[in-house]
Amino acid sequence: MLKKIVKYLVLTFGLLLIVLIGLLAYTQTASFREFLRVKVLKITNPHFNGELAIGKIEGNLYNTIHLTDVALSESDSTVVNIDSLYVNYRLGDLRAKHFIIDTLYIQSLNFNLWYQD
């Protein structure tokens, strides 16, 4: 009886480990990054006075992320345009709800600001 319990526990643990490894591997695929890009835009756009656009998400997502063709537009004008944004970060203690950015590279940052009375 004890051997059966140990056998099922080992089998369950092994199956969970395989599923976890599969999920971690899936986060490194282009289809997951496209899903993530769409989800991020869907969540963030209601919080901006305009529309955020992200061309592509790259990086391993565990400690680096590389965004290309990032733009924030309002009406028919582009407010901010970034060709390439690279962030190297440490997640650290997520219970504290913060993370540490080690490196931030911004390539070709353009602002288009105006004032209305």
PDB file of N, CA and C in Angstrom:
ATOM      1  N   MET A   1       0.819  -1.200   0.000  1.00  0.00           N
ATOM      2  CA  MET A   1       0.000   0.000   0.000  1.00  0.00           C
ATOM      3  C   MET A   1       0.863   1.265   0.000  1.00  0.00           C
ATOM      4  N   LEU A   2       1.892   1.280   0.844  1.00  0.00           N
ATOM      5  CA  LEU A   2       2.779   2.432   0.912  1.00  0.00           C
ATOM      6  C   LEU A   2       3.535   2.618  -0.401  1.00  0.00           C
ATOM      7  N   LYS A   3       3.905   1.508  -1.029  1.00  0.00           N
ATOM      8  CA  LYS A   3       4.610   1.595  -2.314  1.00  0.00           C
ATOM      9  C   LYS A   3       3.725   2.226  -3.380  1.00  0.00           C
ATOM     10  N   LYS A   4       2.410   1.925  -3.359  1.00  0.00           N
ATOM     11  CA  LYS A   4       1.485   2.523  -4.329  1.00  0.00           C
ATOM     12  C   LYS A   4       1.379   4.034  -4.117  1.00  0.00           C
ATOM     13  N   ILE A   5       1.303   4.451  -2.857  1.00  0.00           N
ATOM     14  CA  ILE A   5       1.200   5.882  -2.550  1.00  0.00           C
ATOM     15  C   ILE A   5       2.453   6.612  -3.012  1.00  0.00           C
ATOM     16  N   VAL A   6       3.614   6.059  -2.706  1.00  0.00           N
ATOM     17  CA  VAL A   6       4.878   6.660  -3.133  1.00  0.00           C
ATOM     18  C   VAL A   6       4.949   6.691  -4.655  1.00  0.00           C
ATOM     19  N   LYS A   7       4.516   5.613  -5.299  1.00  0.00           N
ATOM     20  CA  LYS A   7       4.540   5.541  -6.762  1.00  0.00           C
ATOM     21  C   LYS A   7       3.661   6.642  -7.367  1.00  0.00           C
ATOM     22  N   TYR A   8       2.448   6.830  -6.840  1.00  0.00           N
ATOM     23  CA  TYR A   8       1.549   7.860  -7.365  1.00  0.00           C
ATOM     24  C   TYR A   8       2.050   9.276  -7.053  1.00  0.00           C
ATOM     25  N   LEU A   9       2.658   9.462  -5.904  1.00  0.00           N
ATOM     26  CA  LEU A   9       3.225  10.766  -5.576  1.00  0.00           C
ATOM     27  C   LEU A   9       4.377  11.118  -6.513  1.00  0.00           C
ATOM     28  N   VAL A  10       5.245  10.160  -6.766  1.00  0.00           N
ATOM     29  CA  VAL A  10       6.364  10.387  -7.686  1.00  0.00           C
ATOM     30  C   VAL A  10       5.839  10.646  -9.091  1.00  0.00           C
ATOM     31  N   LEU A  11       4.835   9.889  -9.509  1.00  0.00           N
ATOM     32  CA  LEU A  11       4.242  10.078 -10.834  1.00  0.00           C
ATOM     33  C   LEU A  11       3.594  11.461 -10.955  1.00  0.00           C
ATOM     34  N   THR A  12       2.857  11.865  -9.927  1.00  0.00           N
ATOM     35  CA  THR A  12       2.214  13.180  -9.923  1.00  0.00           C
ATOM     36  C   THR A  12       3.251  14.297  -9.942  1.00  0.00           C
ATOM     37  N   PHE A  13       4.276  14.178  -9.112  1.00  0.00           N
ATOM     38  CA  PHE A  13       5.344  15.175  -9.084  1.00  0.00           C
ATOM     39  C   PHE A  13       6.047  15.259 -10.435  1.00  0.00           C
ATOM     40  N   GLY A  14       6.323  14.118 -11.036  1.00  0.00           N
ATOM     41  CA  GLY A  14       6.969  14.093 -12.355  1.00  0.00           C
ATOM     42  C   GLY A  14       6.112  14.742 -13.416  1.00  0.00           C
ATOM     43  N   LEU A  15       4.805  14.464 -13.391  1.00  0.00           N
ATOM     44  CA  LEU A  15       3.894  15.070 -14.367  1.00  0.00           C
ATOM     45  C   LEU A  15       3.827  16.586 -14.193  1.00  0.00           C
ATOM     46  N   LEU A  16       3.733  17.038 -12.940  1.00  0.00           N
ATOM     47  CA  LEU A  16       3.719  18.485 -12.681  1.00  0.00           C
ATOM     48  C   LEU A  16       5.018  19.148 -13.136  1.00  0.00           C
ATOM     49  N   LEU A  17       6.132  18.476 -12.932  1.00  0.00           N
ATOM     50  CA  LEU A  17       7.420  19.002 -13.366  1.00  0.00           C
ATOM     51  C   LEU A  17       7.481  19.120 -14.889  1.00  0.00           C
ATOM     52  N   ILE A  18       6.976  18.128 -15.590  1.00  0.00           N
ATOM     53  CA  ILE A  18       6.953  18.165 -17.059  1.00  0.00           C
ATOM     54  C   ILE A  18       6.058  19.294 -17.562  1.00  0.00           C
ATOM     55  N   VAL A  19       4.898  19.478 -16.935  1.00  0.00           N
ATOM     56  CA  VAL A  19       3.993  20.569 -17.321  1.00  0.00           C
ATOM     57  C   VAL A  19       4.656  21.919 -17.071  1.00  0.00           C
ATOM     58  N   LEU A  20       5.317  22.082 -15.930  1.00  0.00           N
ATOM     59  CA  LEU A  20       6.007  23.335 -15.610  1.00  0.00           C
ATOM     60  C   LEU A  20       7.120  23.631 -16.612  1.00  0.00           C
ATOM     61  N   ILE A  21       7.909  22.628 -16.938  1.00  0.00           N
ATOM     62  CA  ILE A  21       8.979  22.817 -17.936  1.00  0.00           C
ATOM     63  C   ILE A  21       8.390  23.174 -19.286  1.00  0.00           C
ATOM     64  N   GLY A  22       7.279  22.545 -19.637  1.00  0.00           N
ATOM     65  CA  GLY A  22       6.608  22.869 -20.897  1.00  0.00           C
ATOM     66  C   GLY A  22       6.109  24.307 -20.937  1.00  0.00           C
ATOM     67  N   LEU A  23       5.535  24.765 -19.831  1.00  0.00           N
ATOM     68  CA  LEU A  23       5.067  26.155 -19.760  1.00  0.00           C
ATOM     69  C   LEU A  23       6.225  27.143 -19.834  1.00  0.00           C
ATOM     70  N   LEU A  24       7.310  26.831 -19.147  1.00  0.00           N
ATOM     71  CA  LEU A  24       8.490  27.711 -19.212  1.00  0.00           C
ATOM     72  C   LEU A  24       9.059  27.750 -20.629  1.00  0.00           C
ATOM     73  N   ALA A  25       9.058  26.615 -21.304  1.00  0.00           N
ATOM     74  CA  ALA A  25       9.543  26.580 -22.687  1.00  0.00           C
ATOM     75  C   ALA A  25       8.606  27.349 -23.604  1.00  0.00           C
ATOM     76  N   TYR A  26       7.304  27.276 -23.348  1.00  0.00           N
ATOM     77  CA  TYR A  26       6.322  27.992 -24.189  1.00  0.00           C
ATOM     78  C   TYR A  26       6.513  29.504 -24.108  1.00  0.00           C
ATOM     79  N   THR A  27       6.952  30.016 -22.959  1.00  0.00           N
ATOM     80  CA  THR A  27       7.149  31.459 -22.832  1.00  0.00           C
ATOM     81  C   THR A  27       8.274  31.973 -23.727  1.00  0.00           C
ATOM     82  N   GLN A  28       9.076  31.073 -24.272  1.00  0.00           N
ATOM     83  CA  GLN A  28      10.186  31.481 -25.127  1.00  0.00           C
ATOM     84  C   GLN A  28       9.821  31.426 -26.611  1.00  0.00           C
ATOM     85  N   THR A  29       8.559  31.154 -26.935  1.00  0.00           N
ATOM     86  CA  THR A  29       8.144  31.035 -28.334  1.00  0.00           C
ATOM     87  C   THR A  29       7.581  32.354 -28.854  1.00  0.00           C
ATOM     88  N   ALA A  30       7.567  32.486 -30.166  1.00  0.00           N
ATOM     89  CA  ALA A  30       7.034  33.686 -30.809  1.00  0.00           C
ATOM     90  C   ALA A  30       5.526  33.806 -30.595  1.00  0.00           C
ATOM     91  N   SER A  31       4.827  32.693 -30.563  1.00  0.00           N
ATOM     92  CA  SER A  31       3.372  32.752 -30.373  1.00  0.00           C
ATOM     93  C   SER A  31       3.023  33.269 -28.971  1.00  0.00           C
ATOM     94  N   PHE A  32       3.785  32.890 -27.963  1.00  0.00           N
ATOM     95  CA  PHE A  32       3.536  33.413 -26.617  1.00  0.00           C
ATOM     96  C   PHE A  32       3.836  34.902 -26.563  1.00  0.00           C
ATOM     97  N   ARG A  33       4.911  35.328 -27.198  1.00  0.00           N
ATOM     98  CA  ARG A  33       5.269  36.755 -27.179  1.00  0.00           C
ATOM     99  C   ARG A  33       4.220  37.597 -27.896  1.00  0.00           C
ATOM    100  N   GLU A  34       3.639  37.071 -28.959  1.00  0.00           N
ATOM    101  CA  GLU A  34       2.561  37.778 -29.644  1.00  0.00           C
ATOM    102  C   GLU A  34       1.318  37.829 -28.757  1.00  0.00           C
ATOM    103  N   PHE A  35       1.002  36.729 -28.098  1.00  0.00           N
ATOM    104  CA  PHE A  35      -0.105  36.700 -27.147  1.00  0.00           C
ATOM    105  C   PHE A  35       0.124  37.723 -26.037  1.00  0.00           C
ATOM    106  N   LEU A  36       1.343  37.782 -25.512  1.00  0.00           N
ATOM    107  CA  LEU A  36       1.700  38.730 -24.462  1.00  0.00           C
ATOM    108  C   LEU A  36       1.575  40.170 -24.947  1.00  0.00           C
ATOM    109  N   ARG A  37       2.035  40.432 -26.160  1.00  0.00           N
ATOM    110  CA  ARG A  37       1.957  41.786 -26.727  1.00  0.00           C
ATOM    111  C   ARG A  37       0.498  42.249 -26.823  1.00  0.00           C
ATOM    112  N   VAL A  38      -0.354  41.390 -27.336  1.00  0.00           N
ATOM    113  CA  VAL A  38      -1.775  41.731 -27.472  1.00  0.00           C
ATOM    114  C   VAL A  38      -2.406  41.931 -26.105  1.00  0.00           C
ATOM    115  N   LYS A  39      -2.074  41.063 -25.152  1.00  0.00           N
ATOM    116  CA  LYS A  39      -2.635  41.163 -23.805  1.00  0.00           C
ATOM    117  C   LYS A  39      -2.185  42.448 -23.102  1.00  0.00           C
ATOM    118  N   VAL A  40      -0.899  42.793 -23.231  1.00  0.00           N
ATOM    119  CA  VAL A  40      -0.375  44.019 -22.617  1.00  0.00           C
ATOM    120  C   VAL A  40      -1.082  45.240 -23.193  1.00  0.00           C
ATOM    121  N   LEU A  41      -1.251  45.280 -24.498  1.00  0.00           N
ATOM    122  CA  LEU A  41      -1.930  46.415 -25.127  1.00  0.00           C
ATOM    123  C   LEU A  41      -3.388  46.504 -24.690  1.00  0.00           C
ATOM    124  N   LYS A  42      -4.040  45.366 -24.569  1.00  0.00           N
ATOM    125  CA  LYS A  42      -5.433  45.341 -24.143  1.00  0.00           C
ATOM    126  C   LYS A  42      -5.588  45.857 -22.715  1.00  0.00           C
ATOM    127  N   ILE A  43      -4.629  45.527 -21.850  1.00  0.00           N
ATOM    128  CA  ILE A  43      -4.689  45.951 -20.449  1.00  0.00           C
ATOM    129  C   ILE A  43      -4.281  47.414 -20.281  1.00  0.00           C
ATOM    130  N   THR A  44      -3.245  47.854 -21.004  1.00  0.00           N
ATOM    131  CA  THR A  44      -2.706  49.199 -20.775  1.00  0.00           C
ATOM    132  C   THR A  44      -3.430  50.311 -21.532  1.00  0.00           C
ATOM    133  N   ASN A  45      -3.969  50.042 -22.695  1.00  0.00           N
ATOM    134  CA  ASN A  45      -4.566  51.116 -23.494  1.00  0.00           C
ATOM    135  C   ASN A  45      -5.687  51.879 -22.793  1.00  0.00           C
ATOM    136  N   PRO A  46      -6.554  51.248 -21.995  1.00  0.00           N
ATOM    137  CA  PRO A  46      -7.570  52.044 -21.294  1.00  0.00           C
ATOM    138  C   PRO A  46      -6.996  53.033 -20.280  1.00  0.00           C
ATOM    139  N   HIS A  47      -5.753  52.859 -19.875  1.00  0.00           N
ATOM    140  CA  HIS A  47      -5.147  53.741 -18.874  1.00  0.00           C
ATOM    141  C   HIS A  47      -4.401  54.922 -19.490  1.00  0.00           C
ATOM    142  N   PHE A  48      -4.295  54.969 -20.803  1.00  0.00           N
ATOM    143  CA  PHE A  48      -3.612  56.066 -21.478  1.00  0.00           C
ATOM    144  C   PHE A  48      -4.622  56.985 -22.144  1.00  0.00           C
ATOM    145  N   ASN A  49      -4.249  58.244 -22.245  1.00  0.00           N
ATOM    146  CA  ASN A  49      -5.044  59.188 -23.009  1.00  0.00           C
ATOM    147  C   ASN A  49      -4.542  59.130 -24.451  1.00  0.00           C
ATOM    148  N   GLY A  50      -4.744  58.010 -25.072  1.00  0.00           N
ATOM    149  CA  GLY A  50      -4.242  57.749 -26.412  1.00  0.00           C
ATOM    150  C   GLY A  50      -4.155  56.251 -26.619  1.00  0.00           C
ATOM    151  N   GLU A  51      -3.356  55.859 -27.592  1.00  0.00           N
ATOM    152  CA  GLU A  51      -3.220  54.436 -27.906  1.00  0.00           C
ATOM    153  C   GLU A  51      -1.752  54.041 -27.909  1.00  0.00           C
ATOM    154  N   LEU A  52      -1.430  53.015 -27.136  1.00  0.00           N
ATOM    155  CA  LEU A  52      -0.085  52.471 -27.088  1.00  0.00           C
ATOM    156  C   LEU A  52       0.043  51.394 -28.153  1.00  0.00           C
ATOM    157  N   ALA A  53       1.174  51.378 -28.846  1.00  0.00           N
ATOM    158  CA  ALA A  53       1.450  50.346 -29.851  1.00  0.00           C
ATOM    159  C   ALA A  53       2.837  49.772 -29.590  1.00  0.00           C
ATOM    160  N   ILE A  54       2.946  48.461 -29.688  1.00  0.00           N
ATOM    161  CA  ILE A  54       4.221  47.767 -29.543  1.00  0.00           C
ATOM    162  C   ILE A  54       4.380  46.875 -30.760  1.00  0.00           C
ATOM    163  N   GLY A  55       5.490  47.049 -31.476  1.00  0.00           N
ATOM    164  CA  GLY A  55       5.711  46.258 -32.678  1.00  0.00           C
ATOM    165  C   GLY A  55       6.055  44.816 -32.386  1.00  0.00           C
ATOM    166  N   LYS A  56       7.013  44.600 -31.492  1.00  0.00           N
ATOM    167  CA  LYS A  56       7.498  43.246 -31.232  1.00  0.00           C
ATOM    168  C   LYS A  56       8.075  43.162 -29.830  1.00  0.00           C
ATOM    169  N   ILE A  57       7.891  41.998 -29.185  1.00  0.00           N
ATOM    170  CA  ILE A  57       8.476  41.730 -27.871  1.00  0.00           C
ATOM    171  C   ILE A  57       9.496  40.612 -28.038  1.00  0.00           C
ATOM    172  N   GLU A  58      10.712  40.864 -27.540  1.00  0.00           N
ATOM    173  CA  GLU A  58      11.778  39.864 -27.585  1.00  0.00           C
ATOM    174  C   GLU A  58      12.411  39.765 -26.202  1.00  0.00           C
ATOM    175  N   GLY A  59      13.382  38.893 -26.050  1.00  0.00           N
ATOM    176  CA  GLY A  59      14.060  38.698 -24.775  1.00  0.00           C
ATOM    177  C   GLY A  59      13.563  37.438 -24.106  1.00  0.00           C
ATOM    178  N   ASN A  60      14.195  37.077 -22.994  1.00  0.00           N
ATOM    179  CA  ASN A  60      13.779  35.845 -22.327  1.00  0.00           C
ATOM    180  C   ASN A  60      12.646  36.058 -21.334  1.00  0.00           C
ATOM    181  N   LEU A  61      12.281  37.293 -21.052  1.00  0.00           N
ATOM    182  CA  LEU A  61      11.170  37.703 -20.197  1.00  0.00           C
ATOM    183  C   LEU A  61      11.386  37.393 -18.714  1.00  0.00           C
ATOM    184  N   TYR A  62      12.401  36.650 -18.354  1.00  0.00           N
ATOM    185  CA  TYR A  62      12.688  36.377 -16.945  1.00  0.00           C
ATOM    186  C   TYR A  62      13.593  37.451 -16.358  1.00  0.00           C
ATOM    187  N   ASN A  63      14.491  37.994 -17.188  1.00  0.00           N
ATOM    188  CA  ASN A  63      15.338  39.086 -16.706  1.00  0.00           C
ATOM    189  C   ASN A  63      15.662  40.097 -17.792  1.00  0.00           C
ATOM    190  N   THR A  64      15.239  39.870 -19.033  1.00  0.00           N
ATOM    191  CA  THR A  64      15.430  40.859 -20.095  1.00  0.00           C
ATOM    192  C   THR A  64      14.181  40.923 -20.963  1.00  0.00           C
ATOM    193  N   ILE A  65      13.930  42.124 -21.462  1.00  0.00           N
ATOM    194  CA  ILE A  65      12.851  42.325 -22.416  1.00  0.00           C
ATOM    195  C   ILE A  65      13.311  43.376 -23.415  1.00  0.00           C
ATOM    196  N   HIS A  66      12.984  43.161 -24.662  1.00  0.00           N
ATOM    197  CA  HIS A  66      13.358  44.071 -25.736  1.00  0.00           C
ATOM    198  C   HIS A  66      12.100  44.369 -26.542  1.00  0.00           C
ATOM    199  N   LEU A  67      11.681  45.632 -26.507  1.00  0.00           N
ATOM    200  CA  LEU A  67      10.501  46.064 -27.251  1.00  0.00           C
ATOM    201  C   LEU A  67      10.953  46.880 -28.453  1.00  0.00           C
ATOM    202  N   THR A  68      10.331  46.646 -29.597  1.00  0.00           N
ATOM    203  CA  THR A  68      10.645  47.432 -30.787  1.00  0.00           C
ATOM    204  C   THR A  68       9.386  48.146 -31.271  1.00  0.00           C
ATOM    205  N   ASP A  69       9.607  49.283 -31.900  1.00  0.00           N
ATOM    206  CA  ASP A  69       8.531  50.093 -32.477  1.00  0.00           C
ATOM    207  C   ASP A  69       7.429  50.399 -31.466  1.00  0.00           C
ATOM    208  N   VAL A  70       7.821  51.024 -30.368  1.00  0.00           N
ATOM    209  CA  VAL A  70       6.876  51.418 -29.330  1.00  0.00           C
ATOM    210  C   VAL A  70       6.415  52.842 -29.626  1.00  0.00           C
ATOM    211  N   ALA A  71       5.108  53.049 -29.596  1.00  0.00           N
ATOM    212  CA  ALA A  71       4.575  54.379 -29.890  1.00  0.00           C
ATOM    213  C   ALA A  71       3.347  54.639 -29.035  1.00  0.00           C
ATOM    214  N   LEU A  72       3.207  55.892 -28.633  1.00  0.00           N
ATOM    215  CA  LEU A  72       2.005  56.354 -27.949  1.00  0.00           C
ATOM    216  C   LEU A  72       1.414  57.462 -28.801  1.00  0.00           C
ATOM    217  N   SER A  73       0.193  57.233 -29.267  1.00  0.00           N
ATOM    218  CA  SER A  73      -0.458  58.185 -30.168  1.00  0.00           C
ATOM    219  C   SER A  73      -1.726  58.707 -29.529  1.00  0.00           C
ATOM    220  N   GLU A  74      -2.021  59.978 -29.853  1.00  0.00           N
ATOM    221  CA  GLU A  74      -3.281  60.582 -29.438  1.00  0.00           C
ATOM    222  C   GLU A  74      -3.925  61.184 -30.669  1.00  0.00           C
ATOM    223  N   SER A  75      -5.140  60.796 -30.930  1.00  0.00           N
ATOM    224  CA  SER A  75      -5.859  61.201 -32.143  1.00  0.00           C
ATOM    225  C   SER A  75      -5.032  60.802 -33.354  1.00  0.00           C
ATOM    226  N   ASP A  76      -4.592  61.795 -34.125  1.00  0.00           N
ATOM    227  CA  ASP A  76      -3.806  61.485 -35.326  1.00  0.00           C
ATOM    228  C   ASP A  76      -2.330  61.839 -35.160  1.00  0.00           C
ATOM    229  N   SER A  77      -1.912  62.170 -33.929  1.00  0.00           N
ATOM    230  CA  SER A  77      -0.530  62.569 -33.675  1.00  0.00           C
ATOM    231  C   SER A  77       0.180  61.548 -32.803  1.00  0.00           C
ATOM    232  N   THR A  78       1.448  61.291 -33.126  1.00  0.00           N
ATOM    233  CA  THR A  78       2.283  60.432 -32.298  1.00  0.00           C
ATOM    234  C   THR A  78       2.937  61.288 -31.230  1.00  0.00           C
ATOM    235  N   VAL A  79       2.684  60.959 -29.971  1.00  0.00           N
ATOM    236  CA  VAL A  79       3.230  61.724 -28.853  1.00  0.00           C
ATOM    237  C   VAL A  79       4.645  61.254 -28.534  1.00  0.00           C
ATOM    238  N   VAL A  80       4.837  59.926 -28.433  1.00  0.00           N
ATOM    239  CA  VAL A  80       6.141  59.339 -28.132  1.00  0.00           C
ATOM    240  C   VAL A  80       6.379  58.191 -29.100  1.00  0.00           C
ATOM    241  N   ASN A  81       7.597  58.131 -29.604  1.00  0.00           N
ATOM    242  CA  ASN A  81       7.985  57.041 -30.495  1.00  0.00           C
ATOM    243  C   ASN A  81       9.376  56.555 -30.076  1.00  0.00           C
ATOM    244  N   ILE A  82       9.491  55.247 -29.865  1.00  0.00           N
ATOM    245  CA  ILE A  82      10.768  54.634 -29.481  1.00  0.00           C
ATOM    246  C   ILE A  82      11.029  53.494 -30.452  1.00  0.00           C
ATOM    247  N   ASP A  83      12.168  53.551 -31.141  1.00  0.00           N
ATOM    248  CA  ASP A  83      12.509  52.474 -32.068  1.00  0.00           C
ATOM    249  C   ASP A  83      12.836  51.182 -31.336  1.00  0.00           C
ATOM    250  N   SER A  84      13.613  51.289 -30.252  1.00  0.00           N
ATOM    251  CA  SER A  84      14.037  50.100 -29.528  1.00  0.00           C
ATOM    252  C   SER A  84      14.168  50.421 -28.041  1.00  0.00           C
ATOM    253  N   LEU A  85      13.600  49.560 -27.211  1.00  0.00           N
ATOM    254  CA  LEU A  85      13.663  49.710 -25.761  1.00  0.00           C
ATOM    255  C   LEU A  85      14.118  48.383 -25.182  1.00  0.00           C
ATOM    256  N   TYR A  86      15.263  48.386 -24.497  1.00  0.00           N
ATOM    257  CA  TYR A  86      15.834  47.178 -23.912  1.00  0.00           C
ATOM    258  C   TYR A  86      15.934  47.371 -22.406  1.00  0.00           C
ATOM    259  N   VAL A  87      15.397  46.423 -21.646  1.00  0.00           N
ATOM    260  CA  VAL A  87      15.429  46.501 -20.189  1.00  0.00           C
ATOM    261  C   VAL A  87      15.997  45.197 -19.640  1.00  0.00           C
ATOM    262  N   ASN A  88      17.010  45.329 -18.780  1.00  0.00           N
ATOM    263  CA  ASN A  88      17.562  44.192 -18.051  1.00  0.00           C
ATOM    264  C   ASN A  88      17.187  44.414 -16.593  1.00  0.00           C
ATOM    265  N   TYR A  89      16.467  43.470 -16.008  1.00  0.00           N
ATOM    266  CA  TYR A  89      15.913  43.676 -14.676  1.00  0.00           C
ATOM    267  C   TYR A  89      16.065  42.428 -13.814  1.00  0.00           C
ATOM    268  N   ARG A  90      15.858  42.624 -12.507  1.00  0.00           N
ATOM    269  CA  ARG A  90      15.819  41.536 -11.532  1.00  0.00           C
ATOM    270  C   ARG A  90      14.453  41.569 -10.870  1.00  0.00           C
ATOM    271  N   LEU A  91      13.773  40.445 -10.886  1.00  0.00           N
ATOM    272  CA  LEU A  91      12.446  40.406 -10.281  1.00  0.00           C
ATOM    273  C   LEU A  91      12.519  40.510  -8.772  1.00  0.00           C
ATOM    274  N   GLY A  92      13.543  39.949  -8.177  1.00  0.00           N
ATOM    275  CA  GLY A  92      13.738  40.078  -6.737  1.00  0.00           C
ATOM    276  C   GLY A  92      12.560  39.543  -5.951  1.00  0.00           C
ATOM    277  N   ASP A  93      12.133  40.280  -4.981  1.00  0.00           N
ATOM    278  CA  ASP A  93      11.040  39.873  -4.108  1.00  0.00           C
ATOM    279  C   ASP A  93       9.729  40.434  -4.647  1.00  0.00           C
ATOM    280  N   LEU A  94       8.965  39.613  -5.331  1.00  0.00           N
ATOM    281  CA  LEU A  94       7.709  40.084  -5.907  1.00  0.00           C
ATOM    282  C   LEU A  94       6.641  40.329  -4.847  1.00  0.00           C
ATOM    283  N   ARG A  95       6.830  39.768  -3.667  1.00  0.00           N
ATOM    284  CA  ARG A  95       5.877  40.047  -2.582  1.00  0.00           C
ATOM    285  C   ARG A  95       5.928  41.518  -2.196  1.00  0.00           C
ATOM    286  N   ALA A  96       7.079  42.160  -2.378  1.00  0.00           N
ATOM    287  CA  ALA A  96       7.215  43.579  -2.077  1.00  0.00           C
ATOM    288  C   ALA A  96       6.685  44.445  -3.212  1.00  0.00           C
ATOM    289  N   LYS A  97       6.247  43.813  -4.303  1.00  0.00           N
ATOM    290  CA  LYS A  97       5.648  44.485  -5.462  1.00  0.00           C
ATOM    291  C   LYS A  97       6.597  45.490  -6.110  1.00  0.00           C
ATOM    292  N   HIS A  98       7.854  45.097  -6.252  1.00  0.00           N
ATOM    293  CA  HIS A  98       8.801  45.929  -6.982  1.00  0.00           C
ATOM    294  C   HIS A  98       9.856  45.042  -7.627  1.00  0.00           C
ATOM    295  N   PHE A  99      10.522  45.610  -8.610  1.00  0.00           N
ATOM    296  CA  PHE A  99      11.648  44.934  -9.238  1.00  0.00           C
ATOM    297  C   PHE A  99      12.714  45.966  -9.514  1.00  0.00           C
ATOM    298  N   ILE A 100      13.936  45.504  -9.741  1.00  0.00           N
ATOM    299  CA  ILE A 100      15.083  46.391  -9.916  1.00  0.00           C
ATOM    300  C   ILE A 100      15.497  46.375 -11.380  1.00  0.00           C
ATOM    301  N   ILE A 101      15.617  47.559 -11.968  1.00  0.00           N
ATOM    302  CA  ILE A 101      16.095  47.680 -13.342  1.00  0.00           C
ATOM    303  C   ILE A 101      17.600  47.899 -13.298  1.00  0.00           C
ATOM    304  N   ASP A 102      18.344  46.963 -13.888  1.00  0.00           N
ATOM    305  CA  ASP A 102      19.798  47.075 -13.942  1.00  0.00           C
ATOM    306  C   ASP A 102      20.243  47.906 -15.135  1.00  0.00           C
ATOM    307  N   THR A 103      19.632  47.691 -16.289  1.00  0.00           N
ATOM    308  CA  THR A 103      20.024  48.368 -17.513  1.00  0.00           C
ATOM    309  C   THR A 103      18.784  48.811 -18.282  1.00  0.00           C
ATOM    310  N   LEU A 104      18.823  50.014 -18.801  1.00  0.00           N
ATOM    311  CA  LEU A 104      17.742  50.528 -19.629  1.00  0.00           C
ATOM    312  C   LEU A 104      18.362  51.237 -20.827  1.00  0.00           C
ATOM    313  N   TYR A 105      18.155  50.681 -22.013  1.00  0.00           N
ATOM    314  CA  TYR A 105      18.626  51.301 -23.250  1.00  0.00           C
ATOM    315  C   TYR A 105      17.420  51.755 -24.051  1.00  0.00           C
ATOM    316  N   ILE A 106      17.448  53.006 -24.454  1.00  0.00           N
ATOM    317  CA  ILE A 106      16.396  53.550 -25.312  1.00  0.00           C
ATOM    318  C   ILE A 106      17.075  54.067 -26.566  1.00  0.00           C
ATOM    319  N   GLN A 107      16.670  53.517 -27.692  1.00  0.00           N
ATOM    320  CA  GLN A 107      17.256  53.926 -28.971  1.00  0.00           C
ATOM    321  C   GLN A 107      16.223  54.710 -29.766  1.00  0.00           C
ATOM    322  N   SER A 108      16.604  55.885 -30.194  1.00  0.00           N
ATOM    323  CA  SER A 108      15.794  56.745 -31.037  1.00  0.00           C
ATOM    324  C   SER A 108      14.466  57.109 -30.378  1.00  0.00           C
ATOM    325  N   LEU A 109      14.554  57.921 -29.339  1.00  0.00           N
ATOM    326  CA  LEU A 109      13.378  58.400 -28.615  1.00  0.00           C
ATOM    327  C   LEU A 109      12.951  59.733 -29.210  1.00  0.00           C
ATOM    328  N   ASN A 110      11.698  59.844 -29.616  1.00  0.00           N
ATOM    329  CA  ASN A 110      11.151  61.067 -30.201  1.00  0.00           C
ATOM    330  C   ASN A 110       9.896  61.480 -29.451  1.00  0.00           C
ATOM    331  N   PHE A 111       9.853  62.760 -29.044  1.00  0.00           N
ATOM    332  CA  PHE A 111       8.679  63.334 -28.393  1.00  0.00           C
ATOM    333  C   PHE A 111       8.036  64.346 -29.335  1.00  0.00           C
ATOM    334  N   ASN A 112       6.749  64.412 -29.305  1.00  0.00           N
ATOM    335  CA  ASN A 112       6.006  65.428 -30.041  1.00  0.00           C
ATOM    336  C   ASN A 112       5.007  66.024 -29.055  1.00  0.00           C
ATOM    337  N   LEU A 113       5.425  67.097 -28.368  1.00  0.00           N
ATOM    338  CA  LEU A 113       4.603  67.699 -27.334  1.00  0.00           C
ATOM    339  C   LEU A 113       4.028  69.020 -27.822  1.00  0.00           C
ATOM    340  N   TRP A 114       2.818  69.332 -27.387  1.00  0.00           N
ATOM    341  CA  TRP A 114       2.177  70.575 -27.761  1.00  0.00           C
ATOM    342  C   TRP A 114       1.329  71.061 -26.592  1.00  0.00           C
ATOM    343  N   TYR A 115       0.981  72.325 -26.652  1.00  0.00           N
ATOM    344  CA  TYR A 115       0.213  72.955 -25.604  1.00  0.00           C
ATOM    345  C   TYR A 115      -1.063  73.525 -26.196  1.00  0.00           C
ATOM    346  N   GLN A 116      -2.195  73.264 -25.523  1.00  0.00           N
ATOM    347  CA  GLN A 116      -3.474  73.811 -25.975  1.00  0.00           C
ATOM    348  C   GLN A 116      -4.066  74.667 -24.876  1.00  0.00           C
ATOM    349  N   ASP A 117      -4.630  75.817 -25.274  1.00  0.00           N
ATOM    350  CA  ASP A 117      -5.342  76.683 -24.303  1.00  0.00           C
ATOM    351  C   ASP A 117      -6.765  76.235 -24.150  1.00  0.00           C
TER     352      ASP A 117
END
